[in-house]
Structure formats: C-alpha cells, structure tokens
C-alpha cells in the first residue's frame, strides 16, 4: 500500500465510466452543454457534486456522458 494518496484528474466526453472502488474523495463537474448522469442522477450543465471523505473508501460510482456533455472528474485513491 502506498503511503501517499494518488490524485487523478480527467475530462470525459462521449463515454461511460466510473469512479474506481476505494476512492477516498471525489468531485465531478458538468463542464459541457448537456446533462450527464452520475450514480443514476442527472447533473445539469455547470452543476457539481462531491463525495467527501467519510473515513473509508467508497464503492465504484458509475457515470454516463453523452452528446455534447463533458464531465470533469477528480478523485483521490
């Protein structure tokens, strides 16, 4: 196990993916022009959502980005 946490930042467009199981903190923001779906919930353009540190890792969180939508994702493992 690594001593230091690993930060990953990515942009997704036209893709389906997920935040990996075991992440400690995550933030997602819709920076596109259409809704995206994060964990089954629509996220309108300009809206953001975070998963704060709760003392243990999260399960994987799926997301779906279609059309002109773009999702900016940052998570810490």
Protein backbone atom coordinates (compact mmCIF):
# COMPACT_ATOMS: atom_id res chain seq x y z
CA UNK A 1 0.00 0.00 0.00
CA UNK A 2 1.28 3.45 -0.92
CA UNK A 3 1.97 5.88 1.89
CA UNK A 4 0.69 8.89 -0.08
CA UNK A 5 -2.71 9.29 -1.71
CA UNK A 6 -2.84 9.42 -5.52
CA UNK A 7 -4.82 12.26 -7.17
CA UNK A 8 -6.33 11.70 -10.62
CA UNK A 9 -7.93 14.45 -12.73
CA UNK A 10 -9.61 13.69 -16.08
CA UNK A 11 -12.17 15.06 -18.52
CA UNK A 12 -14.67 12.67 -20.12
CA UNK A 13 -16.85 13.25 -23.18
CA UNK A 14 -18.98 10.71 -25.02
CA UNK A 15 -18.04 7.95 -22.61
CA UNK A 16 -19.39 5.74 -19.89
CA UNK A 17 -17.13 5.14 -16.92
CA UNK A 18 -16.91 5.02 -13.17
CA UNK A 19 -15.08 6.39 -10.21
CA UNK A 20 -13.00 3.42 -9.05
CA UNK A 21 -13.87 1.41 -5.96
CA UNK A 22 -11.89 2.50 -2.92
CA UNK A 23 -11.66 6.23 -3.70
CA UNK A 24 -11.43 8.43 -0.59
CA UNK A 25 -12.72 11.71 -2.05
CA UNK A 26 -14.15 12.69 -5.43
CA UNK A 27 -15.53 15.74 -7.18
CA UNK A 28 -17.35 15.79 -10.52
CA UNK A 29 -18.49 18.83 -12.51
CA UNK A 30 -20.51 19.00 -15.70
CA UNK A 31 -18.50 21.41 -17.87
CA UNK A 32 -20.42 20.58 -21.07
CA UNK A 33 -23.66 21.76 -22.67
CA UNK A 34 -25.90 18.75 -21.88
CA UNK A 35 -26.87 16.77 -18.79
CA UNK A 36 -24.66 13.94 -17.58
CA UNK A 37 -25.73 11.09 -15.30
CA UNK A 38 -23.69 10.37 -12.16
CA UNK A 39 -24.72 7.43 -9.98
CA UNK A 40 -28.14 7.41 -11.67
CA UNK A 41 -28.81 11.12 -11.01
CA UNK A 42 -28.80 13.79 -13.79
CA UNK A 43 -26.30 16.61 -13.38
CA UNK A 44 -27.15 19.77 -15.36
CA UNK A 45 -24.51 21.89 -17.13
CA UNK A 46 -22.48 23.90 -14.60
CA UNK A 47 -23.50 21.73 -11.63
CA UNK A 48 -21.00 19.89 -9.47
CA UNK A 49 -21.20 17.06 -6.96
CA UNK A 50 -18.67 15.79 -4.44
CA UNK A 51 -18.20 12.67 -2.40
CA UNK A 52 -16.46 13.83 0.82
CA UNK A 53 -14.03 11.80 2.91
CA UNK A 54 -16.06 9.64 5.31
CA UNK A 55 -13.33 7.55 6.93
CA UNK A 56 -13.38 4.64 4.47
CA UNK A 57 -13.33 4.09 0.72
CA UNK A 58 -16.44 4.34 -1.47
CA UNK A 59 -17.88 1.70 -3.76
CA UNK A 60 -17.45 2.36 -7.50
CA UNK A 61 -19.71 5.17 -8.78
CA UNK A 62 -20.84 4.91 -12.44
CA UNK A 63 -21.30 7.87 -14.77
CA UNK A 64 -22.60 8.37 -18.32
CA UNK A 65 -21.55 11.23 -20.61
CA UNK A 66 -23.33 11.55 -23.99
CA UNK A 67 -23.55 14.05 -26.85
CA UNK A 68 -22.07 17.48 -26.16
CA UNK A 69 -21.77 16.73 -22.45
CA UNK A 70 -18.38 16.85 -20.75
CA UNK A 71 -17.59 15.73 -17.21
CA UNK A 72 -14.54 16.88 -15.25
CA UNK A 73 -13.58 14.30 -12.62
CA UNK A 74 -11.10 14.47 -9.74
CA UNK A 75 -10.68 11.65 -7.25
CA UNK A 76 -8.22 10.53 -4.61
CA UNK A 77 -7.27 6.89 -4.11
